[in-house]
N, C-alpha and C. Protein backbone atom coordinates (compact mmCIF):
# COMPACT_ATOMS: atom_id res chain seq x y z
N MET A 1 21.36 31.48 -59.08
CA MET A 1 20.76 32.89 -59.85
C MET A 1 22.00 33.74 -59.00
N ASP A 2 22.31 34.77 -60.02
CA ASP A 2 23.39 35.95 -59.21
C ASP A 2 22.20 37.34 -58.87
N HIS A 3 23.08 38.13 -58.54
CA HIS A 3 22.25 39.40 -57.90
C HIS A 3 21.38 40.08 -59.12
N ASP A 4 21.98 40.11 -60.34
CA ASP A 4 21.26 40.59 -61.33
C ASP A 4 19.84 39.81 -61.68
N ASP A 5 19.86 38.38 -61.64
CA ASP A 5 18.82 37.64 -61.91
C ASP A 5 17.60 37.83 -60.98
N ILE A 6 18.32 38.11 -59.49
CA ILE A 6 17.37 38.15 -58.51
C ILE A 6 16.46 39.78 -58.42
N ARG A 7 17.20 40.42 -58.77
CA ARG A 7 17.01 41.77 -58.96
C ARG A 7 15.70 41.79 -60.16
N LYS A 8 15.90 41.05 -61.25
CA LYS A 8 14.92 41.03 -62.44
C LYS A 8 13.92 40.17 -61.90
N SER A 9 13.89 39.20 -61.15
CA SER A 9 12.79 38.09 -60.85
C SER A 9 12.24 39.02 -60.15
N ASN A 10 12.83 40.02 -58.75
CA ASN A 10 11.74 40.84 -58.12
C ASN A 10 11.02 41.81 -58.56
N LYS A 11 11.47 42.09 -59.92
CA LYS A 11 11.06 43.23 -60.29
C LYS A 11 9.81 42.65 -61.29
N LYS A 12 10.10 41.50 -61.61
CA LYS A 12 8.74 40.62 -62.99
C LYS A 12 7.87 40.24 -61.92
N PHE A 13 8.04 39.96 -60.36
CA PHE A 13 7.22 39.15 -60.07
C PHE A 13 6.35 40.30 -58.54
N SER A 14 6.54 41.42 -58.86
CA SER A 14 6.56 42.42 -58.01
C SER A 14 4.61 42.54 -57.58
N GLU A 15 4.20 42.11 -58.78
CA GLU A 15 2.64 42.51 -58.71
C GLU A 15 1.84 40.95 -59.30
N THR A 16 2.76 39.92 -58.71
CA THR A 16 2.14 38.73 -58.99
C THR A 16 1.76 37.96 -57.79
N SER A 17 0.82 37.08 -57.91
CA SER A 17 0.39 36.38 -56.41
C SER A 17 1.29 35.47 -56.16
N PRO A 18 1.30 35.44 -54.67
CA PRO A 18 2.47 34.15 -54.42
C PRO A 18 2.25 32.76 -54.93
N PHE A 19 1.20 32.39 -55.02
CA PHE A 19 0.68 30.97 -55.75
C PHE A 19 1.49 31.09 -57.31
N ALA A 20 1.46 32.14 -57.69
CA ALA A 20 2.24 31.88 -59.08
C ALA A 20 3.48 32.26 -59.02
N ILE A 21 4.13 33.08 -58.03
CA ILE A 21 5.22 32.56 -57.66
C ILE A 21 5.80 31.22 -57.17
N ILE A 22 5.11 30.51 -56.35
CA ILE A 22 5.46 29.31 -56.23
C ILE A 22 5.62 28.45 -57.42
N LYS A 23 4.31 28.63 -58.26
CA LYS A 23 3.99 27.67 -59.06
C LYS A 23 5.28 27.67 -60.16
N TRP A 24 5.87 29.13 -60.53
CA TRP A 24 7.24 29.23 -61.63
C TRP A 24 8.19 28.89 -60.80
N ALA A 25 8.31 28.99 -59.56
CA ALA A 25 9.50 28.24 -58.76
C ALA A 25 10.06 26.71 -58.88
N VAL A 26 8.61 26.16 -58.58
CA VAL A 26 8.63 24.70 -59.11
C VAL A 26 8.63 24.32 -60.34
N GLN A 27 8.20 25.03 -61.36
CA GLN A 27 8.56 24.65 -62.84
C GLN A 27 9.79 24.85 -63.38
N LYS A 28 10.69 26.09 -62.63
CA LYS A 28 12.10 26.25 -62.83
C LYS A 28 12.96 25.18 -62.89
N ASP A 29 12.87 24.99 -61.28
CA ASP A 29 13.77 23.45 -61.15
C ASP A 29 13.12 22.56 -60.19
N PRO A 30 12.17 21.63 -60.53
CA PRO A 30 11.32 20.56 -59.63
C PRO A 30 12.00 19.82 -59.03
N ALA A 31 13.30 19.44 -59.30
CA ALA A 31 14.12 18.43 -58.72
C ALA A 31 14.85 19.06 -57.52
N HIS A 32 14.79 20.72 -57.52
CA HIS A 32 16.01 21.09 -56.46
C HIS A 32 15.05 22.11 -55.41
N ILE A 33 13.90 22.16 -55.92
CA ILE A 33 13.03 22.98 -55.01
C ILE A 33 12.91 22.45 -53.57
N ILE A 34 13.05 23.33 -52.67
CA ILE A 34 12.55 23.06 -51.39
C ILE A 34 11.94 24.31 -50.44
N VAL A 35 11.39 24.34 -49.15
CA VAL A 35 10.45 25.38 -48.51
C VAL A 35 11.42 25.18 -47.27
N SER A 36 11.33 26.34 -46.51
CA SER A 36 11.41 26.12 -45.22
C SER A 36 10.61 26.64 -44.63
N SER A 37 10.58 26.14 -43.20
CA SER A 37 9.79 27.14 -42.18
C SER A 37 10.23 27.23 -40.65
N ASN A 38 9.73 27.87 -40.11
CA ASN A 38 10.13 28.07 -38.66
C ASN A 38 8.44 27.78 -37.91
N PHE A 39 7.40 27.43 -38.69
CA PHE A 39 6.36 26.72 -37.93
C PHE A 39 5.57 28.17 -37.16
N ARG A 40 5.51 29.26 -37.58
CA ARG A 40 4.71 30.00 -36.83
C ARG A 40 3.82 30.06 -37.60
N PRO A 41 2.70 30.71 -36.99
CA PRO A 41 1.09 30.32 -37.53
C PRO A 41 1.14 30.83 -38.70
N GLN A 42 1.51 31.93 -39.47
CA GLN A 42 1.30 32.50 -40.64
C GLN A 42 2.19 31.48 -41.41
N GLU A 43 2.93 30.48 -41.59
CA GLU A 43 3.78 29.66 -42.08
C GLU A 43 2.69 28.44 -42.89
N ALA A 44 1.76 28.20 -42.11
CA ALA A 44 0.69 27.02 -42.31
C ALA A 44 0.34 27.20 -43.96
N VAL A 45 0.07 28.78 -44.60
CA VAL A 45 -0.59 29.20 -45.53
C VAL A 45 0.36 29.14 -46.69
N LEU A 46 1.81 29.34 -46.34
CA LEU A 46 2.92 29.03 -47.51
C LEU A 46 3.05 27.63 -47.85
N LEU A 47 3.02 26.90 -46.71
CA LEU A 47 3.22 25.70 -46.64
C LEU A 47 2.20 24.80 -47.55
N HIS A 48 0.81 25.33 -47.04
CA HIS A 48 -0.21 24.59 -48.17
C HIS A 48 -0.33 24.94 -49.45
N MET A 49 0.24 26.33 -50.04
CA MET A 49 0.18 26.74 -51.21
C MET A 49 1.38 25.81 -51.90
N ALA A 50 2.69 25.43 -50.90
CA ALA A 50 3.73 24.75 -51.71
C ALA A 50 3.25 23.55 -52.30
N VAL A 51 2.68 22.82 -50.85
CA VAL A 51 2.56 21.19 -51.48
C VAL A 51 1.48 21.09 -52.30
N SER A 52 0.40 22.46 -52.39
CA SER A 52 -0.89 22.17 -53.47
C SER A 52 0.04 22.02 -54.90
N GLU A 53 1.44 22.58 -54.89
CA GLU A 53 1.90 22.65 -56.27
C GLU A 53 2.71 21.39 -56.45
N LYS A 54 3.30 20.93 -55.55
CA LYS A 54 4.35 19.86 -55.33
C LYS A 54 3.71 19.41 -54.06
N PRO A 55 3.49 18.22 -54.04
CA PRO A 55 2.95 17.48 -53.11
C PRO A 55 4.37 16.87 -52.27
N ASP A 56 5.13 16.64 -52.98
CA ASP A 56 6.46 16.12 -52.18
C ASP A 56 7.85 17.32 -51.73
N ILE A 57 7.33 18.20 -51.94
CA ILE A 57 8.44 19.18 -51.70
C ILE A 57 9.11 18.78 -50.38
N PRO A 58 10.45 19.20 -50.26
CA PRO A 58 11.13 18.97 -48.90
C PRO A 58 10.47 20.45 -48.37
N VAL A 59 10.38 20.13 -46.66
CA VAL A 59 10.34 20.89 -46.15
C VAL A 59 11.05 20.98 -45.01
N LEU A 60 12.26 21.83 -45.04
CA LEU A 60 13.30 22.28 -43.97
C LEU A 60 12.75 22.86 -42.81
N TRP A 61 13.16 22.22 -41.70
CA TRP A 61 12.93 22.84 -40.34
C TRP A 61 14.15 22.73 -39.55
N ALA A 62 14.67 23.71 -38.95
CA ALA A 62 16.18 23.85 -38.38
C ALA A 62 15.48 24.14 -36.98
N ASP A 63 15.21 23.00 -35.74
CA ASP A 63 15.05 23.27 -34.90
C ASP A 63 15.92 23.01 -34.07
N SER A 64 15.85 24.12 -33.35
CA SER A 64 16.98 24.83 -32.00
C SER A 64 16.77 24.12 -30.76
N GLY A 65 15.50 23.23 -30.30
CA GLY A 65 15.48 22.76 -29.37
C GLY A 65 14.92 23.61 -28.44
N TYR A 66 14.58 25.16 -28.95
CA TYR A 66 13.96 26.02 -27.85
C TYR A 66 12.79 26.47 -28.26
N ASN A 67 12.17 25.69 -28.74
CA ASN A 67 10.78 26.19 -29.66
C ASN A 67 9.83 25.95 -28.45
N THR A 68 8.74 26.51 -28.60
CA THR A 68 7.60 26.14 -27.47
C THR A 68 6.63 24.91 -27.70
N LYS A 69 6.06 24.65 -26.68
CA LYS A 69 5.19 23.56 -26.91
C LYS A 69 4.12 23.56 -27.91
N GLU A 70 3.84 24.79 -28.19
CA GLU A 70 2.89 25.16 -29.23
C GLU A 70 3.48 25.06 -30.47
N THR A 71 4.71 25.39 -30.83
CA THR A 71 5.55 24.86 -31.83
C THR A 71 5.73 23.83 -32.54
N TYR A 72 5.95 22.73 -31.28
CA TYR A 72 5.77 21.35 -31.82
C TYR A 72 4.48 20.84 -32.28
N GLU A 73 3.63 21.26 -31.54
CA GLU A 73 2.03 20.65 -31.85
C GLU A 73 1.49 21.16 -33.33
N CYS A 74 2.10 22.25 -33.56
CA CYS A 74 1.99 22.86 -34.39
C CYS A 74 2.47 22.55 -35.99
N VAL A 75 4.05 21.69 -35.79
CA VAL A 75 4.72 20.99 -36.55
C VAL A 75 4.12 19.53 -36.81
N LEU A 76 3.62 19.16 -35.71
CA LEU A 76 2.90 17.67 -35.84
C LEU A 76 1.44 17.74 -36.74
N LEU A 77 0.81 18.93 -36.17
CA LEU A 77 -0.33 19.02 -36.92
C LEU A 77 -0.18 19.37 -38.44
N LEU A 78 0.58 20.04 -38.74
CA LEU A 78 0.61 20.70 -40.35
C LEU A 78 1.27 19.31 -41.04
N LYS A 79 2.03 18.75 -40.25
CA LYS A 79 2.84 17.45 -40.74
C LYS A 79 1.44 16.85 -41.28
N LYS A 80 0.67 16.38 -40.08
CA LYS A 80 -0.29 15.50 -40.74
C LYS A 80 -1.62 15.87 -41.74
N LEU A 81 -1.94 16.92 -41.50
CA LEU A 81 -2.74 17.58 -42.09
C LEU A 81 -2.34 17.74 -44.04
N LEU A 82 -1.04 18.34 -43.81
CA LEU A 82 -0.75 18.91 -45.41
C LEU A 82 0.45 17.44 -45.99
N ASN A 83 0.27 16.49 -44.99
CA ASN A 83 1.13 15.33 -45.43
C ASN A 83 2.65 15.60 -46.08
N LEU A 84 3.29 16.56 -45.21
CA LEU A 84 4.50 17.15 -45.40
C LEU A 84 5.70 16.05 -45.45
N ASN A 85 6.70 16.30 -46.35
CA ASN A 85 8.14 15.76 -46.63
C ASN A 85 9.00 16.24 -45.61
N LEU A 86 8.76 16.46 -44.20
CA LEU A 86 9.34 17.22 -43.08
C LEU A 86 11.08 16.75 -43.26
N LYS A 87 11.62 17.49 -43.47
CA LYS A 87 13.30 17.37 -43.14
C LYS A 87 13.84 18.12 -41.74
N ILE A 88 14.04 17.65 -40.84
CA ILE A 88 14.17 18.27 -39.67
C ILE A 88 15.87 18.19 -39.13
N TYR A 89 16.48 19.37 -39.09
CA TYR A 89 17.86 19.46 -38.58
C TYR A 89 17.86 20.04 -37.17
N VAL A 90 18.65 19.54 -36.27
CA VAL A 90 18.84 20.01 -35.24
C VAL A 90 20.38 20.12 -34.74
N PRO A 91 20.76 20.93 -33.61
CA PRO A 91 22.05 21.05 -33.69
C PRO A 91 22.73 19.80 -32.89
N ALA A 92 24.17 19.84 -33.10
CA ALA A 92 25.26 18.91 -32.93
C ALA A 92 25.06 18.70 -31.34
N THR A 93 24.59 19.66 -30.41
CA THR A 93 24.87 19.75 -28.99
C THR A 93 23.52 20.02 -28.42
N THR A 94 23.00 19.55 -27.64
CA THR A 94 22.06 19.39 -27.05
C THR A 94 21.61 20.65 -26.19
N VAL A 95 20.08 21.00 -26.13
CA VAL A 95 19.90 22.34 -25.29
C VAL A 95 20.80 22.42 -23.95
N ALA A 96 20.83 21.14 -23.00
CA ALA A 96 21.05 21.26 -21.98
C ALA A 96 22.45 21.22 -22.15
N TYR A 97 23.42 20.96 -22.97
CA TYR A 97 24.86 21.45 -23.03
C TYR A 97 24.79 22.62 -23.51
N ARG A 98 24.28 23.61 -24.30
CA ARG A 98 24.53 24.75 -24.59
C ARG A 98 23.79 25.57 -23.27
N GLU A 99 22.95 25.17 -22.32
CA GLU A 99 22.91 25.97 -21.38
C GLU A 99 24.14 25.84 -20.28
N ALA A 100 24.22 24.69 -20.28
CA ALA A 100 25.49 24.33 -19.03
C ALA A 100 26.62 25.15 -19.48
N LEU A 101 27.22 25.17 -20.56
CA LEU A 101 28.34 25.88 -21.22
C LEU A 101 28.32 27.14 -21.45
N TYR A 102 27.28 27.36 -22.30
CA TYR A 102 27.03 28.66 -22.72
C TYR A 102 25.88 29.63 -22.49
N GLY A 103 25.20 29.03 -21.24
CA GLY A 103 24.39 30.15 -20.48
C GLY A 103 22.82 30.10 -21.87
N GLY A 104 22.78 29.14 -23.07
CA GLY A 104 21.53 29.53 -23.69
C GLY A 104 21.78 30.08 -24.88
N ILE A 105 20.67 30.38 -25.28
CA ILE A 105 21.10 30.91 -26.63
C ILE A 105 21.57 32.44 -26.52
N PRO A 106 22.84 32.70 -27.16
CA PRO A 106 23.26 34.21 -27.07
C PRO A 106 22.53 35.21 -27.26
N GLN A 107 22.44 36.34 -26.74
CA GLN A 107 21.55 37.64 -26.84
C GLN A 107 22.43 38.45 -27.57
N LEU A 108 21.61 39.14 -28.68
CA LEU A 108 22.18 40.36 -29.16
C LEU A 108 22.22 41.43 -28.43
N THR A 109 23.36 42.00 -28.50
CA THR A 109 23.35 43.13 -27.92
C THR A 109 23.39 44.54 -28.69
């Protein structure tokens, strides 16, 4: 999709339910559809809608290693409850490495 396609889609779906948008996206290209999540509390609703439409939809999660215990517990619970096709991506370096050499996550100034 180019910028114009995105603009047209936004206009077309401005009054459409989130589930209808997910259904449209899955039907448009079911072989290449994915959903990403940061597994915050509100994410469970989006993930539930996505797997309701496409049960095997890949769920991408970029785990920085700096998440809270509650976030990791949420991931495990939602993976089990929704039977998520979870794809976890982690940095090439560990938290300990980043902490030791760079002082952790860079802060915005």
